Structures are given as C-alpha cells and as structure tokens.
Amino acid sequence: MGVESLEHRPLADRGLSGREDRPLADRPFDVVTFDCYGTLIDWERGIRNAFAAEAVKIGHPVDTAAAVRLYTEIEAVVEQEAYRPYREVLAETARRVAARLGWPLPPEHAGFLAESLPAWPQFSDTNSALRRLVAAGYRLGILSNVDDDLLAWSRRHLVAMFEVVVTAQQVLAYKPAPAHFEAARVLIAGAPWLHAAQSYYHDITPCHALRIPCAWINRKSEAPTGPARPDREVSTLKGLADWLAP
C-alpha cells in the first residue's frame, strides 16, 4: 500500500471530504499537523505486544516493560547515527535492546518490530478528535519518523485524510532534526499552522527552535526536559479538539 501523493499538491488544490470551509478568521489555525507514533498511534502498546509475541515464538520470556523503556532510549541513539530506513532502525534497536536485556533474539528475527507495526493500534481518542477537527474545517497532516510504506499501514487505522505528509524516508532524516518541519513549511505555504505531538524531544523542542506554534499532547504528564515550551499543553487529543473545535 503506497502513501497518497497529496503532499506534493498545493493546499489550495486539495479537497477534504466532510470539511466545512469556515472562514479562516473563525479558527486560529488552518493546518494542524501531527506526529504519528505516540500521538495518534499507541506505539508503546504495539511494541510491548510485539516483544511479548516474539518471546513466545522463540521460547524465551522477556520483560516487556523493560524492553519498551530501553527501546525509547536506544531508538533515539540509532536515529542520530547515519540515516537508515526506519525498518532498519527498528531492527537495529531490537538487536540492541535484546543485547542489553540478555534476551536471545535470533538474528533472522530482528525484523519482528517492523512486521508488527501494521497492527499497532490508534489511541482511543484519536479518531474522534480527528473527526472533530475535520468537521471544524482544519486541514490535517502527519510529520513522522517512519518509512512511507509503514506509515501507509498505520493510516488504515485513522479515519481522516492527511493533506500534508512528511516522512523520514522523504527527507532522509529523523526528528528532532529540522528537515520534517522545513519540508512541511514549504508545503503549507504560509497558512496558519499548528503542530501537535506527544514527544517533547522529537517535536516540541524543534518547533520551539523553528518558531512553529505547537501543542504538547502530554499523555504521560511529563515535565519538560529543556527550555522549550509549547503554545498549548493538553493531556489527550480530546483536549486538543476541545480547544480547537469546541
């Protein structure tokens, strides 16, 4: 399944089924972009389930909570190395997590996380919030550290059409590097724009540096780890929709 080429068309030329074309003055932004994994898709649940399923396959139990904690730490390191496709990031991170845990992951099984990604679920509040934003007239987008084909599978869980799509595969970089945001800025072409994301490190920090308005979907009630502050902080996507589409 391929990602639609909507991101290569000017916003003014795109239609969005079900959107009310309200005057721009009626809303603070015209475009809302999202990080995908952690914001729209519950990647932690997906990875936890994948480690549990793989443990059964290879006949060696694993502490799934520890695996998720290590995954978060190690993936960021792998992404800062020379660019590689996200499938390879997943495999290399899995190998390093297994090594840290002393978990005997067979080399030929290192791709299990990428294989599991199509089943990673959306959060319970994702689609209702997206529906509300579409109905209120917002154009939506995704800026994601992922390959095009993997994102296409995740988009099957989401009810909205995304008019701006920027992936790591397209820009050959991973957030918090600025490439996703710079590419989106060109595509959005000056329309009022808000970026919404769960990750302070990957999204809120670079948005602050680039002066892009942002909303922190702080699902874990985390404290900021740096000087960057979002323009809005909410704990759920419902909270974002309550603000933007009351």
Protein backbone atom coordinates (compact mmCIF):
# COMPACT_ATOMS: atom_id res chain seq x y z
CA MET A 1 0.00 0.00 0.00
CA GLY A 2 1.51 3.32 -1.03
CA VAL A 3 1.08 6.70 0.58
CA GLU A 4 -1.03 9.07 -1.48
CA SER A 5 0.89 11.84 -3.22
CA LEU A 6 -1.31 14.56 -1.70
CA GLU A 7 1.69 16.13 -0.02
CA HIS A 8 3.04 17.12 -3.44
CA ARG A 9 -0.03 19.20 -4.34
CA PRO A 10 -0.67 22.80 -3.25
CA LEU A 11 -3.06 23.01 -0.32
CA ALA A 12 -5.41 25.23 -2.29
CA ASP A 13 -5.84 22.41 -4.87
CA ARG A 14 -6.81 19.73 -2.37
CA GLY A 15 -10.26 18.76 -1.22
CA LEU A 16 -11.11 17.24 2.16
CA SER A 17 -14.29 15.21 2.29
CA GLY A 18 -16.58 16.22 5.11
CA ARG A 19 -14.84 19.51 5.88
CA GLU A 20 -16.79 22.67 6.46
CA ASP A 21 -14.95 25.52 4.73
CA ARG A 22 -15.37 28.01 7.54
CA PRO A 23 -13.74 31.43 7.16
CA LEU A 24 -10.17 31.35 8.43
CA ALA A 25 -10.98 34.04 10.98
CA ASP A 26 -13.24 31.56 12.78
CA ARG A 27 -10.29 29.38 13.82
CA PRO A 28 -6.76 30.10 15.00
CA PHE A 29 -5.05 27.80 12.51
CA ASP A 30 -5.79 26.45 9.07
CA VAL A 31 -3.48 23.42 9.20
CA VAL A 32 -2.85 21.03 12.09
CA THR A 33 -0.04 18.51 11.68
CA PHE A 34 0.62 15.59 13.99
CA ASP A 35 3.41 13.31 14.95
CA CYS A 36 2.06 9.81 14.37
CA TYR A 37 3.60 7.30 16.80
CA GLY A 38 2.89 8.27 20.38
CA THR A 39 0.37 10.91 19.35
CA LEU A 40 -2.09 9.16 17.03
CA ILE A 41 -0.84 5.57 17.22
CA ASP A 42 -0.05 3.81 20.51
CA TRP A 43 3.45 2.66 19.62
CA GLU A 44 4.32 1.62 23.18
CA ARG A 45 1.42 -0.80 23.29
CA GLY A 46 2.35 -2.05 19.82
CA ILE A 47 5.99 -2.63 20.75
CA ARG A 48 5.09 -4.24 24.08
CA ASN A 49 2.76 -6.65 22.29
CA ALA A 50 5.39 -7.37 19.63
CA PHE A 51 8.05 -8.26 22.21
CA ALA A 52 5.56 -10.49 24.03
CA ALA A 53 4.58 -12.30 20.83
CA GLU A 54 8.21 -12.74 19.77
CA ALA A 55 9.11 -14.12 23.19
CA VAL A 56 6.51 -16.85 22.70
CA LYS A 57 7.86 -17.62 19.20
CA ILE A 58 11.46 -18.06 20.32
CA GLY A 59 10.60 -19.70 23.61
CA HIS A 60 12.37 -17.17 25.84
CA PRO A 61 10.37 -14.79 28.09
CA VAL A 62 11.14 -11.09 28.10
CA ASP A 63 10.33 -8.22 30.45
CA THR A 64 8.17 -6.21 28.06
CA ALA A 65 8.07 -3.10 30.27
CA ALA A 66 11.87 -3.04 30.38
CA ALA A 67 12.00 -3.62 26.63
CA VAL A 68 9.81 -0.59 25.97
CA ARG A 69 11.88 1.61 28.31
CA LEU A 70 15.11 0.55 26.60
CA TYR A 71 13.54 0.91 23.17
CA THR A 72 12.76 4.57 23.86
CA GLU A 73 16.33 5.23 24.93
CA ILE A 74 18.09 3.25 22.21
CA GLU A 75 15.96 4.25 19.24
CA ALA A 76 16.86 7.92 19.72
CA VAL A 77 20.55 6.98 19.59
CA VAL A 78 20.13 4.86 16.46
CA GLU A 79 18.24 7.64 14.70
CA GLN A 80 21.09 10.08 15.37
CA GLU A 81 23.54 7.82 13.54
CA ALA A 82 23.91 7.77 9.76
CA TYR A 83 20.49 7.75 8.10
CA ARG A 84 18.99 4.33 7.54
CA PRO A 85 15.39 3.37 6.65
CA TYR A 86 13.08 3.07 9.62
CA ARG A 87 12.75 -0.68 9.10
CA GLU A 88 16.47 -0.88 9.77
CA VAL A 89 16.16 1.46 12.76
CA LEU A 90 13.57 -0.89 14.23
CA ALA A 91 15.74 -3.94 13.61
CA GLU A 92 18.91 -2.39 14.99
CA THR A 93 17.09 -1.08 18.04
CA ALA A 94 15.59 -4.52 18.66
CA ARG A 95 19.04 -6.09 18.47
CA ARG A 96 20.49 -3.59 20.96
CA VAL A 97 17.53 -3.95 23.33
CA ALA A 98 17.92 -7.73 23.24
CA ALA A 99 21.63 -7.43 23.97
CA ARG A 100 21.01 -5.14 26.94
CA LEU A 101 18.39 -7.50 28.35
CA GLY A 102 20.36 -10.66 27.64
CA TRP A 103 17.41 -11.85 25.57
CA PRO A 104 18.47 -14.37 22.87
CA LEU A 105 16.83 -12.81 19.81
CA PRO A 106 17.87 -14.84 16.74
CA PRO A 107 19.48 -12.60 14.07
CA GLU A 108 16.94 -13.71 11.49
CA HIS A 109 14.12 -12.49 13.78
CA ALA A 110 15.40 -8.91 14.13
CA GLY A 111 12.69 -7.59 11.79
CA PHE A 112 9.84 -8.55 14.10
CA LEU A 113 9.02 -4.96 15.11
CA ALA A 114 8.54 -3.77 11.54
CA GLU A 115 6.42 -6.84 10.85
CA SER A 116 4.23 -5.97 13.83
CA LEU A 117 3.80 -2.27 13.02
CA PRO A 118 0.65 -2.62 10.86
CA ALA A 119 -1.14 -3.92 13.98
CA TRP A 120 -0.08 -1.08 16.29
CA PRO A 121 -3.40 0.44 17.40
CA GLN A 122 -4.59 4.01 17.46
CA PHE A 123 -5.30 5.63 20.83
CA SER A 124 -8.93 5.52 21.90
CA ASP A 125 -9.32 9.29 21.49
CA THR A 126 -7.58 9.60 18.11
CA ASN A 127 -10.35 9.17 15.57
CA SER A 128 -13.00 11.12 17.46
CA ALA A 129 -10.60 14.06 17.74
CA LEU A 130 -9.67 13.86 14.05
CA ARG A 131 -13.33 13.83 13.07
CA ARG A 132 -13.96 16.96 15.12
CA LEU A 133 -11.02 18.81 13.60
CA VAL A 134 -12.05 17.88 10.07
CA ALA A 135 -15.63 18.99 10.74
CA ALA A 136 -14.36 22.32 12.07
CA GLY A 137 -12.52 22.96 8.82
CA TYR A 138 -8.91 22.18 9.66
CA ARG A 139 -6.56 20.66 7.12
CA LEU A 140 -4.52 17.87 8.65
CA GLY A 141 -1.03 16.49 8.22
CA ILE A 142 1.46 13.96 9.58
CA LEU A 143 5.18 14.51 10.16
CA SER A 144 6.61 11.13 11.11
CA ASN A 145 9.91 9.35 11.72
CA VAL A 146 8.95 6.39 9.56
CA ASP A 147 9.11 4.87 6.08
CA ASP A 148 6.32 5.62 3.61
CA ASP A 149 5.06 2.05 3.39
CA LEU A 150 4.92 1.58 7.16
CA LEU A 151 3.02 4.84 7.63
CA ALA A 152 0.56 3.73 4.97
CA TRP A 153 -0.32 0.71 7.10
CA SER A 154 -0.82 2.88 10.18
CA ARG A 155 -3.04 5.27 8.25
CA ARG A 156 -5.50 2.41 7.80
CA HIS A 157 -6.35 2.86 11.49
CA LEU A 158 -7.12 6.57 11.04
CA VAL A 159 -10.38 8.00 9.75
CA ALA A 160 -9.09 11.30 8.38
CA MET A 161 -7.36 12.19 5.15
CA PHE A 162 -4.00 13.87 5.72
CA GLU A 163 -3.16 16.52 3.17
CA VAL A 164 0.44 17.10 4.24
CA VAL A 165 2.58 14.01 4.78
CA VAL A 166 6.31 14.18 5.50
CA THR A 167 8.25 11.06 6.44
CA ALA A 168 11.83 10.30 7.37
CA GLN A 169 12.15 8.41 4.11
CA GLN A 170 11.28 11.54 2.15
CA VAL A 171 13.67 13.90 3.95
CA LEU A 172 16.37 11.32 4.84
CA ALA A 173 16.44 12.49 8.44
CA TYR A 174 14.78 11.89 11.79
CA LYS A 175 13.23 14.41 14.12
CA PRO A 176 14.34 16.35 16.15
CA ALA A 177 16.39 17.34 13.09
CA PRO A 178 14.55 20.20 11.35
CA ALA A 179 14.04 18.58 7.93
CA HIS A 180 10.45 17.40 8.51
CA PHE A 181 9.37 20.83 9.68
CA GLU A 182 11.19 22.68 6.93
CA ALA A 183 9.59 20.46 4.29
CA ALA A 184 6.15 20.93 5.85
CA ARG A 185 6.63 24.69 5.96
CA VAL A 186 7.18 24.71 2.20
CA LEU A 187 4.12 22.52 1.55
CA ILE A 188 1.88 24.57 3.86
CA ALA A 189 2.98 27.74 2.10
CA GLY A 190 2.26 30.30 4.77
CA ALA A 191 -1.11 29.04 6.02
CA PRO A 192 -1.56 29.37 9.82
CA TRP A 193 -0.16 26.13 11.17
CA LEU A 194 -0.09 24.24 14.47
CA HIS A 195 1.95 21.10 15.11
CA ALA A 196 0.63 18.69 17.78
CA ALA A 197 2.75 15.93 19.26
CA GLN A 198 3.41 13.80 22.33
CA SER A 199 7.21 13.84 22.21
CA TYR A 200 8.89 16.81 23.85
CA TYR A 201 12.26 15.70 22.47
CA HIS A 202 11.29 14.91 18.87
CA ASP A 203 8.70 17.64 18.27
CA ILE A 204 8.22 20.34 20.89
CA THR A 205 11.91 21.22 21.09
CA PRO A 206 12.43 21.66 17.33
CA CYS A 207 9.12 23.51 16.92
CA HIS A 208 10.23 25.98 19.57
CA ALA A 209 13.59 26.44 17.83
CA LEU A 210 11.89 26.98 14.46
CA ARG A 211 9.15 29.21 15.90
CA ILE A 212 6.38 26.88 14.80
CA PRO A 213 3.29 27.04 17.05
CA CYS A 214 2.89 23.70 18.79
CA ALA A 215 0.64 21.81 21.17
CA TRP A 216 2.13 19.23 23.51
CA ILE A 217 -0.12 16.18 23.83
CA ASN A 218 1.41 15.28 27.18
CA ARG A 219 -0.18 11.88 27.62
CA LYS A 220 2.29 10.87 30.34
CA SER A 221 2.19 14.11 32.35
CA GLU A 222 5.92 14.54 31.82
CA ALA A 223 7.92 17.58 32.87
CA PRO A 224 9.79 19.50 30.16
CA THR A 225 13.40 18.41 29.84
CA GLY A 226 14.61 21.69 28.34
CA PRO A 227 13.73 25.37 27.92
CA ALA A 228 11.24 24.88 25.07
CA ARG A 229 7.59 25.47 25.96
CA PRO A 230 4.56 24.64 23.84
CA ASP A 231 1.90 27.16 22.95
CA ARG A 232 -0.65 24.79 24.48
CA GLU A 233 -0.40 21.70 26.65
CA VAL A 234 -3.16 19.11 26.92
CA SER A 235 -3.17 15.54 28.16
CA THR A 236 -5.18 13.98 25.32
CA LEU A 237 -6.24 14.53 21.74
CA LYS A 238 -9.73 15.15 23.10
CA GLY A 239 -8.25 18.10 24.96
CA LEU A 240 -6.77 19.39 21.70
CA ALA A 241 -10.14 19.04 19.96
CA ASP A 242 -11.89 20.77 22.87
CA TRP A 243 -9.57 23.74 22.33
CA LEU A 244 -9.55 23.90 18.53
CA ALA A 245 -13.05 22.63 17.74
CA PRO A 246 -15.28 23.33 20.76
